[in-house]
Protein backbone atom coordinates (compact mmCIF):
# COMPACT_ATOMS: atom_id res chain seq x y z
CA MET A 1 -16.69 54.59 -51.73
CA SER A 2 -13.24 55.82 -50.72
CA ALA A 3 -10.25 53.49 -50.37
CA ALA A 4 -10.03 54.32 -46.64
CA ALA A 5 -13.66 53.39 -46.04
CA SER A 6 -13.26 50.16 -48.04
CA SER A 7 -10.16 49.28 -46.02
CA SER A 8 -12.01 50.02 -42.75
CA LYS A 9 -14.96 47.81 -43.77
CA SER A 10 -12.61 45.00 -44.78
CA SER A 11 -10.80 45.29 -41.42
CA GLY A 12 -14.13 45.15 -39.59
CA ASN A 13 -15.14 41.98 -41.43
CA MET A 14 -11.79 40.40 -40.57
CA ASN A 15 -12.29 41.19 -36.87
CA PHE A 16 -15.78 39.66 -36.89
CA GLN A 17 -14.50 36.54 -38.63
CA GLU A 18 -11.67 36.14 -36.11
CA LYS A 19 -14.07 36.60 -33.21
CA ASP A 20 -16.49 34.05 -34.68
CA ARG A 21 -13.64 31.56 -35.14
CA GLU A 22 -12.48 32.06 -31.55
CA ASN A 23 -16.03 31.52 -30.28
CA ASP A 24 -16.43 28.39 -32.43
CA VAL A 25 -13.20 26.95 -31.02
CA ARG A 26 -14.26 27.65 -27.43
CA VAL A 27 -17.72 26.18 -27.98
CA SER A 28 -16.20 23.09 -29.62
CA ASN A 29 -13.78 22.61 -26.74
CA ILE A 30 -16.44 22.99 -24.07
CA VAL A 31 -18.84 20.65 -25.87
CA ALA A 32 -16.11 17.98 -26.12
CA ALA A 33 -15.25 18.33 -22.43
CA LYS A 34 -18.93 18.19 -21.42
CA ALA A 35 -19.41 15.01 -23.48
CA VAL A 36 -16.67 13.28 -21.50
CA ALA A 37 -18.00 14.59 -18.18
CA ASP A 38 -21.53 13.43 -19.02
CA ALA A 39 -20.21 9.97 -19.89
CA VAL A 40 -18.82 9.42 -16.38
CA ARG A 41 -21.42 11.46 -14.47
CA THR A 42 -23.83 8.53 -14.18
CA SER A 43 -21.21 6.53 -12.25
CA LEU A 44 -20.95 9.06 -9.40
CA GLY A 45 -21.95 8.03 -5.89
CA PRO A 46 -23.08 4.84 -4.12
CA ARG A 47 -25.95 4.39 -6.57
CA GLY A 48 -23.87 5.18 -9.65
CA ALA A 49 -23.99 2.94 -12.71
CA ASP A 50 -21.10 0.70 -13.80
CA LYS A 51 -19.34 0.97 -17.14
CA MET A 52 -18.28 -1.95 -19.32
CA LEU A 53 -15.08 -1.07 -21.16
CA VAL A 54 -14.04 -3.22 -24.11
CA ASP A 55 -10.63 -2.73 -25.71
CA GLY A 56 -9.47 -3.59 -29.23
CA LYS A 57 -8.51 -7.12 -28.17
CA GLY A 58 -11.93 -7.80 -26.73
CA ASP A 59 -10.76 -7.67 -23.09
CA VAL A 60 -13.53 -6.47 -20.79
CA THR A 61 -13.26 -4.25 -17.73
CA ILE A 62 -16.28 -3.47 -15.54
CA SER A 63 -15.84 -0.56 -13.15
CA ASN A 64 -17.39 2.62 -11.80
CA ASP A 65 -14.05 4.08 -10.74
CA GLY A 66 -13.54 7.39 -12.52
CA ALA A 67 -9.79 7.00 -13.02
CA THR A 68 -10.22 3.53 -14.52
CA ILE A 69 -13.01 4.61 -16.86
CA MET A 70 -11.14 7.70 -18.03
CA SER A 71 -7.83 5.88 -18.55
CA LYS A 72 -9.45 3.21 -20.73
CA MET A 73 -11.78 5.54 -22.64
CA ALA A 74 -10.74 6.11 -26.27
CA VAL A 75 -10.82 9.89 -26.76
CA VAL A 76 -9.63 11.83 -29.81
CA HIS A 77 -10.37 15.49 -29.10
CA PRO A 78 -7.38 17.21 -27.45
CA VAL A 79 -9.57 18.90 -24.82
CA ALA A 80 -11.19 15.56 -23.97
CA LYS A 81 -7.67 14.24 -23.38
CA MET A 82 -7.16 17.09 -20.91
CA LEU A 83 -10.01 15.67 -18.82
CA VAL A 84 -8.37 12.24 -18.92
CA GLU A 85 -5.19 13.83 -17.57
CA LEU A 86 -7.29 15.70 -14.99
CA SER A 87 -8.68 12.44 -13.64
CA ARG A 88 -5.18 10.93 -13.55
CA ALA A 89 -3.85 13.96 -11.64
CA GLN A 90 -6.59 13.59 -9.02
CA ASP A 91 -5.78 9.89 -8.70
CA VAL A 92 -2.12 10.71 -8.05
CA GLU A 93 -2.83 13.54 -5.63
CA ALA A 94 -5.68 12.07 -3.57
CA GLY A 95 -6.49 8.61 -4.96
CA ASP A 96 -10.24 9.24 -4.67
CA GLY A 97 -12.70 11.74 -6.14
CA THR A 98 -11.63 10.92 -9.71
CA THR A 99 -15.22 11.00 -10.98
CA SER A 100 -16.15 14.12 -9.01
CA VAL A 101 -13.27 16.16 -10.42
CA VAL A 102 -14.33 15.46 -14.02
CA VAL A 103 -18.00 16.18 -13.28
CA LEU A 104 -17.07 19.46 -11.56
CA ALA A 105 -14.87 20.52 -14.48
CA GLY A 106 -17.68 19.74 -16.93
CA SER A 107 -20.18 21.78 -14.88
CA LEU A 108 -17.80 24.75 -14.59
CA LEU A 109 -17.26 24.70 -18.36
CA ALA A 110 -21.01 24.56 -19.01
CA LYS A 111 -21.45 27.70 -16.90
CA SER A 112 -18.50 29.28 -18.73
CA LEU A 113 -20.33 28.77 -22.01
CA GLU A 114 -23.37 30.61 -20.64
CA LEU A 115 -21.15 33.51 -19.56
CA LEU A 116 -19.41 33.60 -22.95
CA GLU A 117 -22.78 33.81 -24.71
CA LYS A 118 -23.61 36.82 -22.52
CA GLY A 119 -20.45 38.55 -23.72
CA VAL A 120 -18.20 38.02 -20.68
CA HIS A 121 -14.55 37.86 -21.72
CA PRO A 122 -12.73 34.52 -21.11
CA THR A 123 -10.00 36.24 -19.09
CA VAL A 124 -12.61 37.75 -16.77
CA ILE A 125 -14.20 34.31 -16.35
CA ALA A 126 -10.81 32.77 -15.52
CA GLU A 127 -10.06 35.48 -12.94
CA GLY A 128 -13.55 35.19 -11.45
CA TYR A 129 -13.17 31.42 -11.11
CA GLN A 130 -9.80 31.82 -9.39
CA GLN A 131 -11.26 34.31 -6.94
CA SER A 132 -14.17 31.96 -6.31
CA LEU A 133 -11.77 29.06 -5.72
CA ASP A 134 -9.83 30.97 -3.06
CA TYR A 135 -13.05 31.76 -1.21
CA ALA A 136 -14.38 28.19 -1.64
CA LEU A 137 -11.22 26.69 -0.11
CA ASP A 138 -11.67 28.90 2.96
CA VAL A 139 -15.26 27.66 3.27
CA LEU A 140 -14.18 24.01 3.00
CA ARG A 141 -11.48 24.42 5.65
CA GLY A 142 -13.96 26.23 7.87
CA MET A 143 -16.39 23.28 7.86
CA ALA A 144 -13.68 20.60 8.22
CA LEU A 145 -13.46 18.43 11.34
CA PRO A 146 -10.01 17.73 12.87
CA LEU A 147 -8.88 14.10 13.13
CA THR A 148 -6.26 12.16 15.06
CA LEU A 149 -4.88 8.88 13.76
CA ASP A 150 -5.78 7.07 16.96
CA ASP A 151 -9.45 7.71 16.10
CA ARG A 152 -9.86 4.34 14.40
CA GLU A 153 -13.63 4.69 14.10
CA SER A 154 -13.38 7.84 11.98
CA LEU A 155 -10.71 6.24 9.77
CA LEU A 156 -12.98 3.24 9.20
CA LYS A 157 -15.90 5.53 8.32
CA ALA A 158 -13.80 7.40 5.75
CA ALA A 159 -12.56 4.16 4.16
CA SER A 160 -16.10 2.73 4.11
CA THR A 161 -17.46 5.88 2.43
CA SER A 162 -14.94 5.40 -0.38
CA LEU A 163 -15.77 1.69 -0.74
CA ASN A 164 -19.55 2.20 -0.64
CA SER A 165 -19.49 3.71 -4.14
CA LYS A 166 -17.70 0.66 -5.61
CA ILE A 167 -18.95 -2.59 -7.09
CA VAL A 168 -17.59 -4.41 -4.01
CA SER A 169 -19.50 -2.14 -1.60
CA GLN A 170 -21.09 -5.18 0.12
CA TYR A 171 -17.61 -6.11 1.39
CA SER A 172 -16.78 -2.67 2.81
CA SER A 173 -17.03 -3.94 6.41
CA LEU A 174 -14.15 -6.35 5.63
CA LEU A 175 -12.01 -4.24 3.28
CA ALA A 176 -12.14 -0.97 5.26
CA PRO A 177 -10.42 -2.41 8.39
CA ILE A 178 -7.81 -4.08 6.17
CA ALA A 179 -6.99 -0.74 4.47
CA VAL A 180 -6.83 1.13 7.80
CA ASP A 181 -4.67 -1.51 9.50
CA ALA A 182 -2.32 -1.73 6.50
CA VAL A 183 -1.60 2.02 6.59
CA LEU A 184 -1.28 2.24 10.36
CA LYS A 185 1.18 -0.66 10.44
CA VAL A 186 3.68 0.98 8.06
CA ILE A 187 3.72 4.49 9.55
CA ASN A 188 4.53 6.17 12.83
CA PRO A 189 1.34 8.20 13.52
CA GLU A 190 3.25 10.77 15.59
CA LEU A 191 6.10 11.40 13.14
CA ASP A 192 4.94 10.54 9.60
CA ASN A 193 2.81 12.91 7.53
CA ASN A 194 2.77 10.77 4.41
CA VAL A 195 2.37 7.12 3.42
CA ASP A 196 4.57 5.34 0.91
CA LEU A 197 2.10 2.96 -0.73
CA ASN A 198 5.06 1.00 -2.12
CA GLU A 199 5.36 -0.41 1.40
CA ILE A 200 1.86 -1.90 1.04
CA LYS A 201 1.69 -4.52 -1.67
CA VAL A 202 -1.68 -5.64 -3.00
CA VAL A 203 -1.50 -9.06 -4.67
CA THR A 204 -4.38 -10.90 -6.32
CA LYS A 205 -5.20 -14.59 -6.50
CA LEU A 206 -8.12 -16.01 -8.42
CA GLY A 207 -10.26 -18.32 -6.32
CA GLY A 208 -12.52 -18.00 -3.31
CA THR A 209 -14.47 -14.77 -2.81
CA VAL A 210 -13.67 -11.24 -1.73
CA ASP A 211 -14.52 -12.44 1.82
CA ASP A 212 -11.25 -14.40 1.77
CA THR A 213 -9.16 -11.22 1.35
CA GLU A 214 -6.63 -10.91 4.19
CA LEU A 215 -3.85 -8.71 5.53
CA VAL A 216 -0.49 -10.51 5.80
CA GLU A 217 2.47 -9.18 7.77
CA GLY A 218 4.96 -10.68 5.39
CA LEU A 219 5.07 -11.76 1.75
CA VAL A 220 2.71 -13.54 -0.61
CA PHE A 221 3.76 -14.87 -4.01
CA THR A 222 0.82 -15.62 -6.31
CA LYS A 223 2.14 -15.11 -9.84
CA LEU A 224 4.64 -17.94 -9.92
CA LYS A 225 5.04 -21.18 -11.81
CA ILE A 226 4.93 -24.12 -9.41
CA ARG A 227 6.90 -26.88 -11.08
CA ALA A 228 5.61 -30.38 -10.40
CA LYS A 229 9.07 -31.90 -10.90
CA ALA A 230 10.52 -29.91 -8.01
CA GLY A 231 8.90 -32.10 -5.35
CA GLY A 232 10.46 -30.01 -2.58
CA PRO A 233 9.11 -29.26 0.91
CA GLN A 234 5.72 -27.55 1.17
CA LYS A 235 6.40 -25.87 4.52
CA VAL A 236 9.60 -24.56 6.11
CA THR A 237 9.95 -23.20 9.65
CA ASN A 238 12.84 -21.01 10.82
CA ALA A 239 13.41 -20.14 7.19
CA LYS A 240 16.69 -18.77 5.85
CA ILE A 241 15.75 -16.99 2.64
CA GLY A 242 18.09 -16.35 -0.27
CA LEU A 243 17.25 -14.19 -3.29
CA ILE A 244 19.42 -15.00 -6.31
CA GLN A 245 19.74 -13.14 -9.61
CA PHE A 246 21.80 -15.71 -11.53
CA GLN A 247 21.02 -18.87 -13.47
CA LEU A 248 20.78 -22.31 -11.94
CA SER A 249 21.28 -24.07 -15.23
CA PRO A 250 24.26 -25.51 -17.13
CA PRO A 251 26.54 -22.86 -18.70
CA LYS A 252 25.92 -21.93 -22.32
CA THR A 253 28.27 -21.03 -25.12
CA ASP A 254 28.28 -17.63 -26.77
CA MET A 255 26.02 -17.14 -29.78
CA GLU A 256 28.86 -17.26 -32.32
CA ASN A 257 30.39 -20.46 -30.94
CA HIS A 258 29.37 -24.04 -31.81
CA ILE A 259 30.14 -27.41 -30.26
CA ILE A 260 30.16 -30.39 -32.60
CA VAL A 261 29.52 -33.73 -30.88
CA SER A 262 30.62 -36.73 -32.93
CA SER A 263 30.16 -39.63 -30.48
CA HIS A 264 28.06 -40.82 -27.53
CA VAL A 265 31.13 -40.69 -25.31
CA GLN A 266 31.52 -36.97 -25.90
CA MET A 267 27.82 -36.44 -25.23
CA ASP A 268 28.05 -38.36 -21.95
CA ARG A 269 31.03 -36.23 -20.90
CA ILE A 270 29.07 -33.01 -21.62
CA ILE A 271 26.03 -34.21 -19.65
CA ALA A 272 28.21 -35.31 -16.73
CA GLN A 273 29.95 -31.93 -16.67
CA GLU A 274 26.61 -30.12 -16.73
CA ARG A 275 25.40 -32.19 -13.77
CA LYS A 276 28.63 -31.47 -11.92
CA ASP A 277 28.32 -27.72 -12.54
CA VAL A 278 24.67 -27.54 -11.39
CA LEU A 279 25.35 -29.71 -8.34
CA LYS A 280 28.24 -27.46 -7.35
CA LYS A 281 25.95 -24.41 -7.36
CA VAL A 282 23.23 -26.19 -5.39
CA LYS A 283 25.74 -27.40 -2.77
CA ALA A 284 27.01 -23.82 -2.37
CA ILE A 285 23.42 -22.69 -1.74
CA LYS A 286 22.89 -25.46 0.84
CA LYS A 287 26.22 -24.69 2.53
CA SER A 288 25.17 -21.07 3.13
CA GLY A 289 22.27 -22.35 5.27
CA CYS A 290 19.57 -21.36 2.78
CA ASN A 291 16.38 -23.46 2.97
CA VAL A 292 14.08 -21.14 0.95
CA LEU A 293 15.33 -19.97 -2.43
CA LEU A 294 13.76 -17.08 -4.35
CA ILE A 295 14.85 -16.95 -7.99
CA GLN A 296 14.41 -13.72 -9.92
CA LYS A 297 12.60 -13.99 -13.20
CA SER A 298 14.97 -14.10 -16.18
CA ILE A 299 14.59 -13.38 -19.85
CA LEU A 300 15.84 -16.91 -20.52
CA ARG A 301 13.22 -19.64 -20.27
CA ASP A 302 15.58 -22.15 -18.67
CA ALA A 303 17.11 -19.85 -16.06
CA VAL A 304 16.52 -22.66 -13.57
CA SER A 305 16.73 -26.15 -15.00
CA ASP A 306 14.75 -29.22 -14.00
CA LEU A 307 18.04 -30.76 -12.90
CA ALA A 308 18.65 -27.88 -10.47
CA LEU A 309 15.10 -28.18 -9.10
CA HIS A 310 15.67 -31.92 -8.60
CA TYR A 311 18.83 -31.33 -6.54
CA LEU A 312 17.20 -28.51 -4.55
CA SER A 313 14.22 -30.71 -3.64
CA LYS A 314 16.59 -33.51 -2.54
CA MET A 315 18.29 -31.05 -0.20
CA LYS A 316 14.90 -29.95 1.21
CA ILE A 317 15.07 -26.39 -0.15
CA LEU A 318 11.72 -24.75 -0.99
CA VAL A 319 11.96 -22.95 -4.33
CA VAL A 320 9.99 -19.91 -5.53
CA THR A 321 10.66 -19.11 -9.19
CA ASP A 322 9.83 -16.15 -11.42
CA VAL A 323 10.15 -13.40 -8.79
CA GLU A 324 9.60 -10.07 -10.53
CA ARG A 325 12.48 -7.58 -10.62
CA ALA A 326 10.14 -4.82 -9.37
CA ASP A 327 9.49 -6.83 -6.19
CA VAL A 328 13.14 -7.25 -5.19
CA GLU A 329 13.33 -4.13 -3.01
CA PHE A 330 10.04 -4.96 -1.26
CA ILE A 331 11.26 -8.52 -0.54
CA CYS A 332 14.59 -7.31 0.83
CA ASP A 333 12.87 -4.78 3.12
CA THR A 334 10.46 -7.43 4.39
CA VAL A 335 12.72 -10.41 5.16
CA GLY A 336 16.04 -8.58 5.49
CA CYS A 337 17.91 -10.35 2.69
CA SER A 338 20.25 -8.98 0.03
CA PRO A 339 20.03 -9.91 -3.66
CA ILE A 340 22.86 -12.24 -4.74
CA SER A 341 24.15 -11.84 -8.30
CA HIS A 342 26.76 -14.65 -8.36
CA ILE A 343 27.14 -18.05 -6.74
CA ASP A 344 30.49 -16.99 -5.23
CA HIS A 345 28.65 -14.34 -3.18
CA MET A 346 26.29 -16.88 -1.58
CA SER A 347 26.78 -16.52 2.17
CA ALA A 348 24.79 -16.62 5.41
CA GLU A 349 25.13 -12.83 5.86
CA LYS A 350 23.03 -12.17 2.75
CA LEU A 351 20.14 -14.42 3.76
CA GLY A 352 16.85 -13.16 5.15
CA THR A 353 14.79 -14.82 7.86
CA ALA A 354 11.16 -15.71 8.49
CA GLY A 355 9.26 -17.87 10.95
CA THR A 356 7.23 -19.80 8.39
CA VAL A 357 7.24 -20.23 4.62
CA GLU A 358 4.34 -22.30 3.36
CA SER A 359 2.93 -23.38 0.01
CA LEU A 360 -0.87 -23.16 0.15
CA GLY A 361 -3.66 -24.05 -2.23
CA THR A 362 -3.80 -26.79 -4.84
CA GLY A 363 -2.99 -27.11 -8.51
CA ALA A 364 -3.01 -23.83 -10.42
CA ASN A 365 -4.27 -21.98 -7.32
CA ARG A 366 -1.06 -22.50 -5.35
CA TYR A 367 0.59 -19.53 -3.66
CA ILE A 368 3.46 -19.04 -1.23
CA LYS A 369 2.97 -17.20 2.08
CA ILE A 370 5.90 -15.97 4.18
CA THR A 371 5.01 -14.89 7.74
CA ASP A 372 6.70 -14.04 11.07
CA VAL A 373 9.18 -11.74 9.35
CA PRO A 374 11.97 -9.97 11.28
CA ASN A 375 10.70 -6.43 10.57
CA PRO A 376 6.91 -6.55 11.12
CA GLY A 377 5.31 -3.22 10.25
CA LYS A 378 7.99 -2.14 7.80
CA THR A 379 5.95 -3.63 4.95
CA VAL A 380 2.64 -5.46 4.67
CA THR A 381 0.87 -7.43 1.95
CA ILE A 382 -2.84 -7.54 1.16
CA LEU A 383 -3.89 -10.83 -0.44
CA CYS A 384 -6.99 -10.07 -2.50
CA ARG A 385 -9.22 -12.97 -3.56
CA GLY A 386 -12.11 -13.10 -6.01
CA SER A 387 -14.31 -15.57 -7.85
CA ASN A 388 -13.56 -14.16 -11.32
CA LYS A 389 -11.04 -11.84 -12.96
CA LEU A 390 -13.44 -8.90 -13.30
CA MET A 391 -14.43 -8.96 -9.61
CA LEU A 392 -10.81 -9.48 -8.59
CA ALA A 393 -9.59 -6.49 -10.61
CA GLU A 394 -12.33 -4.24 -9.21
CA ALA A 395 -11.60 -5.38 -5.64
CA GLU A 396 -7.92 -4.51 -6.16
CA ARG A 397 -8.82 -1.01 -7.46
CA SER A 398 -11.24 -0.47 -4.57
CA ILE A 399 -8.63 -1.42 -1.97
CA HIS A 400 -6.18 0.98 -3.63
CA ASP A 401 -8.73 3.81 -3.36
CA ALA A 402 -9.39 3.01 0.31
CA LEU A 403 -5.64 3.04 1.00
CA CYS A 404 -5.37 6.42 -0.75
CA VAL A 405 -8.19 7.81 1.40
CA ILE A 406 -6.33 6.87 4.59
CA ARG A 407 -3.12 8.27 3.06
CA SER A 408 -4.95 11.56 2.45
CA LEU A 409 -5.98 11.66 6.11
CA VAL A 410 -2.38 11.09 7.19
CA LYS A 411 -1.22 13.98 4.97
CA GLU A 412 -3.97 16.40 6.00
CA ARG A 413 -5.78 15.32 9.16
CA PHE A 414 -9.20 16.83 8.53
CA LEU A 415 -12.54 15.33 7.51
CA VAL A 416 -15.55 16.83 5.75
CA ALA A 417 -19.07 15.47 5.37
CA GLY A 418 -19.98 13.59 2.20
CA GLY A 419 -23.25 13.32 0.30
CA GLY A 420 -22.80 16.63 -1.52
CA ALA A 421 -22.62 18.63 1.74
CA PRO A 422 -19.32 20.45 1.06
CA GLU A 423 -20.32 21.37 -2.50
CA MET A 424 -23.67 22.77 -1.37
CA GLU A 425 -22.06 24.69 1.52
CA VAL A 426 -19.56 26.23 -0.91
CA SER A 427 -22.37 27.03 -3.34
CA GLN A 428 -24.44 28.83 -0.69
CA ALA A 429 -21.46 30.76 0.70
CA LEU A 430 -20.31 31.86 -2.75
CA ASP A 431 -23.81 32.92 -3.80
CA LYS A 432 -24.06 35.11 -0.69
CA HIS A 433 -20.52 36.48 -1.14
CA SER A 434 -21.09 37.30 -4.83
CA ARG A 435 -23.69 39.92 -3.87
CA THR A 436 -20.99 41.93 -2.09
CA ILE A 437 -18.68 42.08 -5.12
CA PRO A 438 -19.20 44.80 -7.76
CA GLY A 439 -18.72 44.30 -11.48
CA VAL A 440 -18.81 41.36 -13.85
CA LYS A 441 -16.87 39.06 -11.52
CA SER A 442 -19.94 38.75 -9.33
CA TYR A 443 -21.65 36.97 -12.25
CA CYS A 444 -18.67 34.61 -12.56
CA MET A 445 -18.83 33.84 -8.85
CA ARG A 446 -22.55 33.17 -9.05
CA ALA A 447 -21.98 30.87 -12.02
CA PHE A 448 -19.29 29.04 -9.99
CA ALA A 449 -21.79 28.65 -7.12
CA GLU A 450 -24.40 27.17 -9.46
CA ALA A 451 -21.84 24.80 -10.99
CA MET A 452 -21.03 23.33 -7.56
CA GLU A 453 -24.60 22.06 -7.24
CA ILE A 454 -23.91 19.48 -9.96
CA ILE A 455 -22.54 17.03 -7.35
CA PRO A 456 -25.64 16.81 -5.09
CA TYR A 457 -27.88 16.99 -8.18
CA THR A 458 -26.07 14.02 -9.76
CA LEU A 459 -26.07 12.01 -6.51
CA ALA A 460 -29.84 12.41 -6.27
CA GLU A 461 -30.39 11.65 -9.96
CA ASN A 462 -28.25 8.49 -9.87
CA ALA A 463 -30.11 7.29 -6.76
CA GLY A 464 -33.46 7.52 -8.53
CA LEU A 465 -34.64 10.45 -6.40
CA SER A 466 -36.24 13.70 -7.58
CA PRO A 467 -33.14 15.87 -8.08
CA ILE A 468 -34.97 19.22 -8.08
CA LYS A 469 -36.89 18.44 -4.89
CA ILE A 470 -33.89 16.98 -3.06
CA VAL A 471 -31.45 19.74 -4.08
CA THR A 472 -33.96 22.44 -3.16
CA GLU A 473 -34.43 20.87 0.29
CA LEU A 474 -30.65 20.54 0.71
CA ARG A 475 -30.20 24.18 -0.30
CA ASN A 476 -32.72 25.24 2.36
CA GLN A 477 -30.97 23.15 5.03
CA HIS A 478 -27.63 24.83 4.31
CA ALA A 479 -29.25 28.26 4.21
CA GLU A 480 -30.45 27.55 7.77
CA GLY A 481 -26.86 26.78 8.84
CA ASN A 482 -26.81 22.96 8.68
CA ALA A 483 -23.38 22.69 7.04
CA GLN A 484 -23.16 18.88 7.53
CA ALA A 485 -26.48 18.18 5.77
CA GLY A 486 -26.18 15.95 2.73
CA ILE A 487 -28.05 13.46 0.58
CA ASN A 488 -28.43 10.04 2.17
CA VAL A 489 -29.07 7.95 -0.93
CA ARG A 490 -29.92 4.86 1.11
CA ARG A 491 -32.74 6.60 2.97
CA GLY A 492 -33.65 8.89 0.09
CA SER A 493 -33.65 11.98 2.27
CA ILE A 494 -31.51 14.82 3.66
CA THR A 495 -29.66 13.86 6.86
CA ASN A 496 -26.58 14.85 8.86
CA MET A 497 -23.75 13.11 7.01
CA VAL A 498 -21.35 13.06 9.97
CA ASP A 499 -23.95 11.33 12.15
CA ASP A 500 -24.58 8.83 9.33
CA ALA A 501 -20.83 8.08 9.04
CA VAL A 502 -20.59 9.45 5.47
CA ILE A 503 -17.31 11.36 5.63
CA GLN A 504 -14.31 11.92 3.38
CA PRO A 505 -10.86 13.50 3.65
CA LEU A 506 -10.66 17.26 3.26
CA LEU A 507 -7.70 16.71 0.92
CA VAL A 508 -9.93 14.88 -1.60
CA SER A 509 -12.43 17.75 -1.82
CA VAL A 510 -9.73 20.45 -1.90
CA SER A 511 -7.71 18.65 -4.57
CA ALA A 512 -10.79 17.99 -6.75
CA LEU A 513 -11.83 21.64 -6.59
CA LYS A 514 -8.35 23.01 -7.32
CA LEU A 515 -7.74 20.69 -10.28
CA ALA A 516 -11.23 21.16 -11.76
CA VAL A 517 -10.93 24.96 -11.64
CA GLU A 518 -7.43 24.89 -13.10
CA CYS A 519 -8.59 22.71 -15.98
CA ALA A 520 -11.72 24.81 -16.65
CA ARG A 521 -9.71 28.07 -16.63
CA GLY A 522 -7.18 26.59 -19.05
CA ILE A 523 -9.83 25.40 -21.51
CA CYS A 524 -11.69 28.75 -21.39
CA LYS A 525 -8.59 30.65 -22.45
CA ILE A 526 -7.93 28.49 -25.55
CA ASP A 527 -9.00 30.42 -28.63
CA GLU A 528 -7.36 28.38 -31.38
CA ILE A 529 -6.33 24.79 -32.10
CA VAL A 530 -3.28 24.66 -34.37
CA SER A 531 -1.55 21.58 -35.75
CA SER A 532 2.10 21.65 -34.69
CA LYS A 533 5.06 20.14 -36.51
């Protein structure tokens, strides 16, 4: 054999080895991504299963929220981490659809693997998926229903649809109006096209049930240490509220200085001076007209001394300690106060106002409620109650998702049917459109169309229905032009989702589709995993 022929054979073997390695990497990536998608797929929809997540410390979280499950799931494979980031991106963009976006990405990747095995190049698949996405978005916008923010009934239906897939679904009739009212109170429907969720504070308090959850136009402090020695007033009307960021305790020496006390007389003089210093600060607070004092949490344990609390209670000043630094801006916006960093700056101009400040509850379940604030509607607080920590945490997450759904409707005021209707409509339209496109991209578009059916298939499967029978019937309904037809898991049949009040924001579906396709295209084009420095 000649040297040239030997070299050519060696080069051919090298090319085959490289191609095999690239294929192995792609298969490995897709298998890892599908494993993650399959793990959360069973939690999709109103009949989805719940996941129990246990961390290294033994702390337990029970949830069927996709973003929560993905964020707490321990994943090692780099592509699996991409799906975790995908779920987080959907949570930031739309707040809902965090499970759907992962399931869609997994289905698109599974179809990519089939195309790869048939010899379709990854770049062609990526381009075909992008072309399919552009057409799918046009289909979604074509079937969307316009919405106005004064249509309260439609807003409630959208919020209820989000809540019906949660553990707290039995409380959706209570939580949905709270979420809708909270958003509508902090925006101007005619001018605003976005919602700053920082203006809606969700606070939790253990005790009672989810039925006791309420919307408060004001402030609620639940995570505070009520000190028994304070003995101050439990209710204040016509409140003048001061927020201080300095210590109400005797002054301390620097770390490198020492005071040596050699007699009881010297000790008495020190104690007397400490009392005098604390009393001077408390009198300055009282002189400003303050009758409710909020004290920011400090790194020092004795930022407010028992002596100061004693004097404050004698002067009938209600004290709230351990206010978080992150809450300062929200408090100032709500009651109209300014944070005070030094006792010399204590003045009436920096105080906020409120009609009533009241300490409610007993023992460890005490909380402070501030109502009748001067700027109602600028901020609101949702007080979430629950009988145990797991239920309380899930209720808080569910309310956040409902708020995000209403926020999505404020940003893009269109609704689409739920129950797998938009995915099946896109699937049918793409399948029909693919027959008009020549070349290999038509196969990619058809694969995209088949991948979209994973959502109605999973909804039926999780509801205990026959997925093949239900999806076939749904496919026929859409082929006949019933674009709003979807799977009603409660009835176990195909119905008009809009008539059954199962609707969701267009933004949620659009965002999920865009992000899932972007992730699938990115993973398809990876041909090597290299350890970097």
